C-alpha cells in the first residue's frame, strides 16, 4: 500500500472516530447505533495502520492490492450498518402502525363517550359527578 494512501486512510479513519465520539457526546447519536460505527472506524483505523495484517487479508481474499482490501472491508461494514438500520426502521414502522391504530381506537371511544354525554344532557338524565371531598 502506498504511503500516501495509508496516511489518508489513517487520517480519515481517525476523523471518523473523533466525529462519532463527538456525536455521542452531544447525544446526537444513540449509543446502540454508535457501537457499530465505532467498531467499524476502529477496525478501519487498525487496518490502515497495520500494513502487514491488511496485506495478509488481501492475499487471503485474493485481492491484488491491500488498498482494495481496505475498501472492501469498509464496504462490508457499510452493508452491515445498512442491514442493521433497515431492521431498526422496520421495527419502528411496525410500532408506528400499532400506535396509530391504538390512537384511532381511543379517539373513537372518546367520541362515543362525548356523544353519550351530549345525549344524556339533552334528555336531562345526565348524572352529576359526585363532588369530591377536599381533604387537607
N, C-alpha and C. Protein backbone atom coordinates (compact mmCIF):
# COMPACT_ATOMS: atom_id res chain seq x y z
N UNK A 1 0.85 -1.18 0.00
CA UNK A 1 0.00 0.00 0.00
C UNK A 1 0.89 1.23 0.00
N UNK A 2 0.54 2.15 -0.83
CA UNK A 2 1.28 3.40 -0.94
C UNK A 2 1.18 4.16 0.39
N UNK A 3 2.26 4.86 0.72
CA UNK A 3 2.30 5.58 2.00
C UNK A 3 1.26 6.71 2.02
N UNK A 4 1.07 7.37 0.88
CA UNK A 4 0.07 8.45 0.84
C UNK A 4 -1.34 7.93 1.11
N UNK A 5 -1.64 6.79 0.51
CA UNK A 5 -2.97 6.21 0.74
C UNK A 5 -3.11 5.77 2.19
N UNK A 6 -2.03 5.25 2.76
CA UNK A 6 -2.07 4.83 4.16
C UNK A 6 -2.30 6.04 5.06
N UNK A 7 -1.62 7.13 4.78
CA UNK A 7 -1.79 8.35 5.59
C UNK A 7 -3.22 8.87 5.46
N UNK A 8 -3.72 8.90 4.23
CA UNK A 8 -5.09 9.37 4.01
C UNK A 8 -6.09 8.47 4.74
N UNK A 9 -5.86 7.16 4.68
CA UNK A 9 -6.76 6.21 5.35
C UNK A 9 -6.73 6.39 6.86
N UNK A 10 -5.54 6.59 7.41
CA UNK A 10 -5.42 6.79 8.86
C UNK A 10 -6.11 8.09 9.27
N UNK A 11 -5.88 9.15 8.51
CA UNK A 11 -6.49 10.44 8.84
C UNK A 11 -8.02 10.36 8.75
N UNK A 12 -8.54 9.76 7.67
CA UNK A 12 -9.99 9.66 7.51
C UNK A 12 -10.61 8.77 8.59
N UNK A 13 -9.95 7.67 8.91
CA UNK A 13 -10.48 6.79 9.96
C UNK A 13 -10.45 7.49 11.32
N UNK A 14 -9.37 8.23 11.57
CA UNK A 14 -9.28 8.98 12.83
C UNK A 14 -10.33 10.06 12.92
N UNK A 15 -10.57 10.78 11.80
CA UNK A 15 -11.61 11.81 11.78
C UNK A 15 -12.99 11.20 11.98
N UNK A 16 -13.22 10.04 11.38
CA UNK A 16 -14.49 9.36 11.56
C UNK A 16 -14.68 8.97 13.03
N UNK A 17 -13.64 8.44 13.64
CA UNK A 17 -13.72 8.05 15.05
C UNK A 17 -13.98 9.26 15.94
N UNK A 18 -13.25 10.35 15.70
CA UNK A 18 -13.46 11.56 16.51
C UNK A 18 -14.85 12.15 16.29
N UNK A 19 -15.31 12.14 15.05
CA UNK A 19 -16.65 12.65 14.75
C UNK A 19 -17.73 11.83 15.45
N UNK A 20 -17.55 10.52 15.46
CA UNK A 20 -18.52 9.65 16.13
C UNK A 20 -18.55 9.91 17.63
N UNK A 21 -17.37 10.03 18.21
CA UNK A 21 -17.30 10.30 19.65
C UNK A 21 -17.96 11.63 19.99
N UNK A 22 -17.78 12.63 19.14
CA UNK A 22 -18.41 13.93 19.37
C UNK A 22 -19.93 13.84 19.24
N UNK A 23 -20.41 13.08 18.27
CA UNK A 23 -21.85 12.90 18.11
C UNK A 23 -22.46 12.20 19.31
N UNK A 24 -21.75 11.21 19.85
CA UNK A 24 -22.24 10.51 21.04
C UNK A 24 -22.22 11.45 22.24
N UNK A 25 -21.15 12.23 22.35
CA UNK A 25 -21.05 13.17 23.48
C UNK A 25 -22.17 14.21 23.46
N UNK A 26 -22.52 14.67 22.28
CA UNK A 26 -23.60 15.67 22.15
C UNK A 26 -24.99 15.03 22.16
N UNK A 27 -25.03 13.71 22.27
CA UNK A 27 -26.29 12.95 22.28
C UNK A 27 -27.07 13.10 20.98
N UNK A 28 -26.35 13.25 19.88
CA UNK A 28 -26.99 13.29 18.57
C UNK A 28 -27.02 11.92 17.93
N UNK A 29 -26.29 10.97 18.51
CA UNK A 29 -26.25 9.60 18.03
C UNK A 29 -26.41 8.69 19.23
N UNK A 30 -27.41 7.82 19.18
CA UNK A 30 -27.65 6.92 20.30
C UNK A 30 -26.52 5.90 20.41
N UNK A 31 -26.29 5.46 21.65
CA UNK A 31 -25.19 4.53 21.89
C UNK A 31 -25.39 3.22 21.15
N UNK A 32 -26.64 2.77 21.06
CA UNK A 32 -26.86 1.48 20.39
C UNK A 32 -26.52 1.53 18.92
N UNK A 33 -26.65 2.69 18.30
CA UNK A 33 -26.24 2.81 16.90
C UNK A 33 -24.76 3.15 16.78
N UNK A 34 -24.25 3.80 17.79
CA UNK A 34 -22.86 4.23 17.72
C UNK A 34 -21.88 3.06 17.86
N UNK A 35 -22.31 1.99 18.52
CA UNK A 35 -21.38 0.87 18.72
C UNK A 35 -20.90 0.28 17.40
N UNK A 36 -21.81 0.08 16.47
CA UNK A 36 -21.39 -0.46 15.17
C UNK A 36 -20.48 0.51 14.43
N UNK A 37 -20.82 1.79 14.49
CA UNK A 37 -19.97 2.79 13.83
C UNK A 37 -18.59 2.84 14.47
N UNK A 38 -18.55 2.82 15.79
CA UNK A 38 -17.26 2.86 16.48
C UNK A 38 -16.42 1.62 16.16
N UNK A 39 -17.07 0.47 16.15
CA UNK A 39 -16.36 -0.76 15.80
C UNK A 39 -15.81 -0.66 14.37
N UNK A 40 -16.62 -0.16 13.46
CA UNK A 40 -16.18 -0.02 12.07
C UNK A 40 -14.99 0.92 11.95
N UNK A 41 -15.08 2.05 12.62
CA UNK A 41 -13.98 3.01 12.50
C UNK A 41 -12.72 2.49 13.16
N UNK A 42 -12.86 1.76 14.27
CA UNK A 42 -11.67 1.20 14.92
C UNK A 42 -11.02 0.12 14.06
N UNK A 43 -11.83 -0.72 13.43
CA UNK A 43 -11.26 -1.75 12.55
C UNK A 43 -10.57 -1.10 11.36
N UNK A 44 -11.20 -0.09 10.78
CA UNK A 44 -10.57 0.60 9.64
C UNK A 44 -9.29 1.30 10.05
N UNK A 45 -9.30 1.91 11.22
CA UNK A 45 -8.09 2.57 11.71
C UNK A 45 -6.99 1.54 11.96
N UNK A 46 -7.36 0.41 12.53
CA UNK A 46 -6.37 -0.64 12.77
C UNK A 46 -5.80 -1.19 11.47
N UNK A 47 -6.67 -1.42 10.50
CA UNK A 47 -6.19 -1.95 9.22
C UNK A 47 -5.36 -0.91 8.46
N UNK A 48 -5.71 0.35 8.62
CA UNK A 48 -4.95 1.40 7.93
C UNK A 48 -3.56 1.55 8.52
N UNK A 49 -3.43 1.33 9.81
CA UNK A 49 -2.11 1.49 10.44
C UNK A 49 -1.29 0.21 10.39
N UNK A 50 -1.93 -0.94 10.43
CA UNK A 50 -1.21 -2.22 10.46
C UNK A 50 -1.15 -2.77 9.04
N UNK A 51 -0.07 -2.45 8.37
CA UNK A 51 0.07 -2.82 6.96
C UNK A 51 0.10 -4.33 6.73
N UNK A 52 0.83 -5.04 7.58
CA UNK A 52 1.02 -6.48 7.39
C UNK A 52 -0.30 -7.23 7.44
N UNK A 53 -1.15 -6.87 8.38
CA UNK A 53 -2.44 -7.54 8.50
C UNK A 53 -3.30 -7.29 7.28
N UNK A 54 -3.28 -6.07 6.80
CA UNK A 54 -4.07 -5.75 5.62
C UNK A 54 -3.57 -6.51 4.39
N UNK A 55 -2.24 -6.66 4.27
CA UNK A 55 -1.70 -7.42 3.14
C UNK A 55 -2.06 -8.90 3.25
N UNK A 56 -2.07 -9.43 4.47
CA UNK A 56 -2.46 -10.83 4.66
C UNK A 56 -3.94 -11.03 4.33
N UNK A 57 -4.77 -10.09 4.74
CA UNK A 57 -6.20 -10.18 4.43
C UNK A 57 -6.41 -10.10 2.92
N UNK A 58 -5.67 -9.21 2.28
CA UNK A 58 -5.79 -9.06 0.83
C UNK A 58 -5.39 -10.34 0.11
N UNK A 59 -4.31 -10.95 0.55
CA UNK A 59 -3.88 -12.18 -0.12
C UNK A 59 -4.83 -13.34 0.20
N UNK A 60 -5.39 -13.36 1.40
CA UNK A 60 -6.33 -14.42 1.75
C UNK A 60 -7.63 -14.30 0.96
N UNK A 61 -8.05 -13.07 0.68
CA UNK A 61 -9.28 -12.86 -0.07
C UNK A 61 -9.04 -12.87 -1.58
N UNK A 62 -7.78 -12.91 -1.99
CA UNK A 62 -7.48 -12.91 -3.41
C UNK A 62 -7.58 -11.54 -4.04
N UNK A 63 -7.38 -10.53 -3.25
CA UNK A 63 -7.43 -9.15 -3.73
C UNK A 63 -6.01 -8.71 -4.02
N UNK A 64 -5.82 -8.06 -5.17
CA UNK A 64 -4.48 -7.76 -5.66
C UNK A 64 -3.75 -6.76 -4.77
N UNK A 65 -4.41 -5.71 -4.36
CA UNK A 65 -3.72 -4.68 -3.58
C UNK A 65 -4.37 -4.52 -2.21
N UNK A 66 -3.58 -4.21 -1.20
CA UNK A 66 -4.14 -4.01 0.14
C UNK A 66 -5.12 -2.84 0.22
N UNK A 67 -4.93 -1.84 -0.62
CA UNK A 67 -5.86 -0.71 -0.62
C UNK A 67 -7.27 -1.16 -0.99
N UNK A 68 -7.35 -2.01 -1.99
CA UNK A 68 -8.66 -2.53 -2.37
C UNK A 68 -9.26 -3.38 -1.25
N UNK A 69 -8.41 -4.09 -0.53
CA UNK A 69 -8.90 -4.88 0.61
C UNK A 69 -9.46 -3.97 1.69
N UNK A 70 -8.80 -2.84 1.91
CA UNK A 70 -9.31 -1.87 2.90
C UNK A 70 -10.68 -1.33 2.48
N UNK A 71 -10.83 -0.99 1.22
CA UNK A 71 -12.13 -0.52 0.74
C UNK A 71 -13.18 -1.63 0.78
N UNK A 72 -12.75 -2.86 0.52
CA UNK A 72 -13.67 -3.99 0.60
C UNK A 72 -14.19 -4.17 2.03
N UNK A 73 -13.28 -4.08 3.01
CA UNK A 73 -13.68 -4.21 4.41
C UNK A 73 -14.62 -3.05 4.79
N UNK A 74 -14.28 -1.85 4.35
CA UNK A 74 -15.15 -0.70 4.65
C UNK A 74 -16.53 -0.88 4.02
N UNK A 75 -16.56 -1.38 2.80
CA UNK A 75 -17.84 -1.61 2.13
C UNK A 75 -18.65 -2.68 2.86
N UNK A 76 -17.97 -3.73 3.34
CA UNK A 76 -18.67 -4.77 4.10
C UNK A 76 -19.28 -4.20 5.37
N UNK A 77 -18.56 -3.31 6.05
CA UNK A 77 -19.11 -2.68 7.25
C UNK A 77 -20.31 -1.81 6.91
N UNK A 78 -20.23 -1.11 5.81
CA UNK A 78 -21.36 -0.26 5.41
C UNK A 78 -22.59 -1.12 5.13
N UNK A 79 -22.39 -2.28 4.51
CA UNK A 79 -23.52 -3.17 4.26
C UNK A 79 -24.13 -3.67 5.56
N UNK A 80 -23.28 -4.01 6.53
CA UNK A 80 -23.78 -4.47 7.83
C UNK A 80 -24.56 -3.34 8.52
N UNK A 81 -24.03 -2.14 8.44
CA UNK A 81 -24.74 -0.99 9.04
C UNK A 81 -26.08 -0.75 8.36
N UNK A 82 -26.12 -0.86 7.05
CA UNK A 82 -27.38 -0.67 6.33
C UNK A 82 -28.39 -1.74 6.72
N UNK A 83 -27.94 -2.96 6.87
CA UNK A 83 -28.85 -4.03 7.29
C UNK A 83 -29.37 -3.76 8.70
N UNK A 84 -28.49 -3.33 9.59
CA UNK A 84 -28.89 -3.01 10.96
C UNK A 84 -29.93 -1.89 10.97
N UNK A 85 -29.70 -0.85 10.19
CA UNK A 85 -30.65 0.27 10.16
C UNK A 85 -31.96 -0.14 9.48
N UNK A 86 -31.90 -1.01 8.51
CA UNK A 86 -33.13 -1.48 7.88
C UNK A 86 -33.97 -2.26 8.87
N UNK A 87 -33.33 -3.07 9.69
CA UNK A 87 -34.06 -3.81 10.72
C UNK A 87 -34.68 -2.83 11.72
N UNK A 88 -33.91 -1.83 12.12
CA UNK A 88 -34.43 -0.83 13.07
C UNK A 88 -35.61 -0.05 12.49
N UNK A 89 -35.50 0.36 11.25
CA UNK A 89 -36.58 1.11 10.60
C UNK A 89 -37.82 0.24 10.47
N UNK A 90 -37.64 -1.03 10.17
CA UNK A 90 -38.79 -1.93 10.06
C UNK A 90 -39.51 -2.06 11.40
N UNK A 91 -38.74 -2.21 12.47
CA UNK A 91 -39.36 -2.30 13.79
C UNK A 91 -40.09 -1.01 14.14
N UNK A 92 -39.49 0.12 13.84
CA UNK A 92 -40.14 1.41 14.13
C UNK A 92 -41.41 1.59 13.31
N UNK A 93 -41.40 1.14 12.06
CA UNK A 93 -42.60 1.25 11.22
C UNK A 93 -43.72 0.40 11.80
N UNK A 94 -43.40 -0.80 12.27
CA UNK A 94 -44.42 -1.64 12.89
C UNK A 94 -44.97 -0.99 14.16
N UNK A 95 -44.09 -0.45 14.97
CA UNK A 95 -44.53 0.22 16.21
C UNK A 95 -45.39 1.44 15.89
N UNK A 96 -45.05 2.19 14.87
CA UNK A 96 -45.84 3.36 14.48
C UNK A 96 -47.23 2.95 14.03
N UNK A 97 -47.32 1.85 13.29
CA UNK A 97 -48.61 1.37 12.82
C UNK A 97 -49.48 0.96 14.00
N UNK A 98 -48.92 0.25 14.95
CA UNK A 98 -49.68 -0.19 16.13
C UNK A 98 -50.12 1.03 16.95
N UNK A 99 -49.24 2.00 17.11
CA UNK A 99 -49.60 3.20 17.86
C UNK A 99 -50.70 4.00 17.17
N UNK A 100 -50.66 4.10 15.85
CA UNK A 100 -51.70 4.81 15.11
C UNK A 100 -53.04 4.10 15.25
N UNK A 101 -53.02 2.77 15.22
CA UNK A 101 -54.27 2.02 15.39
C UNK A 101 -54.83 2.21 16.80
N UNK A 102 -53.97 2.17 17.80
CA UNK A 102 -54.44 2.38 19.17
C UNK A 102 -54.99 3.79 19.36
N UNK A 103 -54.33 4.77 18.76
CA UNK A 103 -54.81 6.15 18.85
C UNK A 103 -56.18 6.29 18.20
N UNK A 104 -56.37 5.66 17.05
CA UNK A 104 -57.67 5.72 16.37
C UNK A 104 -58.75 5.08 17.23
N UNK A 105 -58.44 3.96 17.87
CA UNK A 105 -59.42 3.32 18.76
C UNK A 105 -59.77 4.21 19.94
N UNK A 106 -58.76 4.84 20.53
CA UNK A 106 -59.01 5.73 21.66
C UNK A 106 -59.84 6.94 21.24
N UNK A 107 -59.56 7.50 20.07
CA UNK A 107 -60.35 8.63 19.58
C UNK A 107 -61.80 8.22 19.35
N UNK A 108 -62.02 7.03 18.85
CA UNK A 108 -63.38 6.55 18.62
C UNK A 108 -64.10 6.35 19.95
N UNK A 109 -63.42 5.80 20.94
CA UNK A 109 -64.03 5.65 22.26
C UNK A 109 -64.35 7.00 22.88
N UNK A 110 -63.49 7.96 22.71
CA UNK A 110 -63.72 9.30 23.24
C UNK A 110 -64.92 9.96 22.56
N UNK A 111 -65.02 9.80 21.24
CA UNK A 111 -66.17 10.35 20.51
C UNK A 111 -67.48 9.72 20.97
N UNK A 112 -67.45 8.41 21.18
CA UNK A 112 -68.66 7.72 21.66
C UNK A 112 -69.05 8.21 23.05
N UNK A 113 -68.07 8.39 23.91
CA UNK A 113 -68.36 8.86 25.26
C UNK A 113 -68.91 10.28 25.24
N UNK A 114 -68.34 11.14 24.38
CA UNK A 114 -68.83 12.52 24.28
C UNK A 114 -70.25 12.56 23.71
N UNK A 115 -70.53 11.71 22.74
CA UNK A 115 -71.89 11.71 22.17
C UNK A 115 -72.89 11.18 23.19
N UNK A 116 -72.50 10.21 24.02
CA UNK A 116 -73.39 9.72 25.08
C UNK A 116 -73.66 10.83 26.10
N UNK A 117 -72.62 11.56 26.46
CA UNK A 117 -72.80 12.65 27.42
C UNK A 117 -73.71 13.74 26.86
N UNK A 118 -73.52 14.09 25.60
CA UNK A 118 -74.36 15.12 24.98
C UNK A 118 -75.82 14.65 24.91
N UNK A 119 -76.02 13.39 24.58
CA UNK A 119 -77.39 12.85 24.52
C UNK A 119 -78.02 12.84 25.90
N UNK A 120 -77.26 12.50 26.91
CA UNK A 120 -77.79 12.47 28.27
C UNK A 120 -78.10 13.88 28.75
N UNK A 121 -77.28 14.86 28.40
CA UNK A 121 -77.53 16.24 28.80
C UNK A 121 -78.78 16.80 28.12
N UNK A 122 -78.97 16.44 26.86
CA UNK A 122 -80.15 16.93 26.15
C UNK A 122 -81.43 16.28 26.68
N UNK A 123 -81.35 15.05 27.16
CA UNK A 123 -82.52 14.38 27.75
C UNK A 123 -82.76 14.83 29.18
N UNK A 124 -81.78 15.43 29.78
CA UNK A 124 -81.88 15.83 31.17
C UNK A 124 -81.64 14.69 32.14
N UNK A 125 -81.12 13.62 31.64
CA UNK A 125 -80.84 12.47 32.50
C UNK A 125 -79.36 12.36 32.85
N UNK A 126 -78.68 13.44 32.61
CA UNK A 126 -77.24 13.40 32.87
C UNK A 126 -76.97 13.25 34.35
N UNK A 127 -76.09 12.38 34.65
CA UNK A 127 -75.73 12.18 36.05
C UNK A 127 -74.68 13.18 36.43
N UNK A 128 -74.86 13.70 37.58
CA UNK A 128 -73.85 14.62 38.07
C UNK A 128 -72.70 13.84 38.65
N UNK A 129 -71.57 14.39 38.43
CA UNK A 129 -70.40 13.75 39.05
C UNK A 129 -70.43 14.03 40.53
N UNK A 130 -70.15 13.03 41.30
CA UNK A 130 -70.13 13.28 42.74
C UNK A 130 -68.99 14.24 43.07
N UNK A 131 -69.35 15.18 43.92
CA UNK A 131 -68.32 16.15 44.29
C UNK A 131 -67.31 15.48 45.20
N UNK A 132 -66.14 15.77 44.89
CA UNK A 132 -65.06 15.16 45.67
C UNK A 132 -64.82 15.98 46.93
N UNK A 133 -64.66 15.25 47.94
CA UNK A 133 -64.38 15.92 49.21
C UNK A 133 -62.94 16.41 49.20
N UNK A 134 -62.78 17.61 49.59
CA UNK A 134 -61.43 18.17 49.65
C UNK A 134 -60.87 17.87 51.02
N UNK A 135 -59.84 17.14 50.97
CA UNK A 135 -59.20 16.78 52.23
C UNK A 135 -57.89 17.53 52.36
N UNK A 136 -57.65 17.98 53.56
CA UNK A 136 -56.38 18.69 53.74
C UNK A 136 -55.19 17.77 53.70
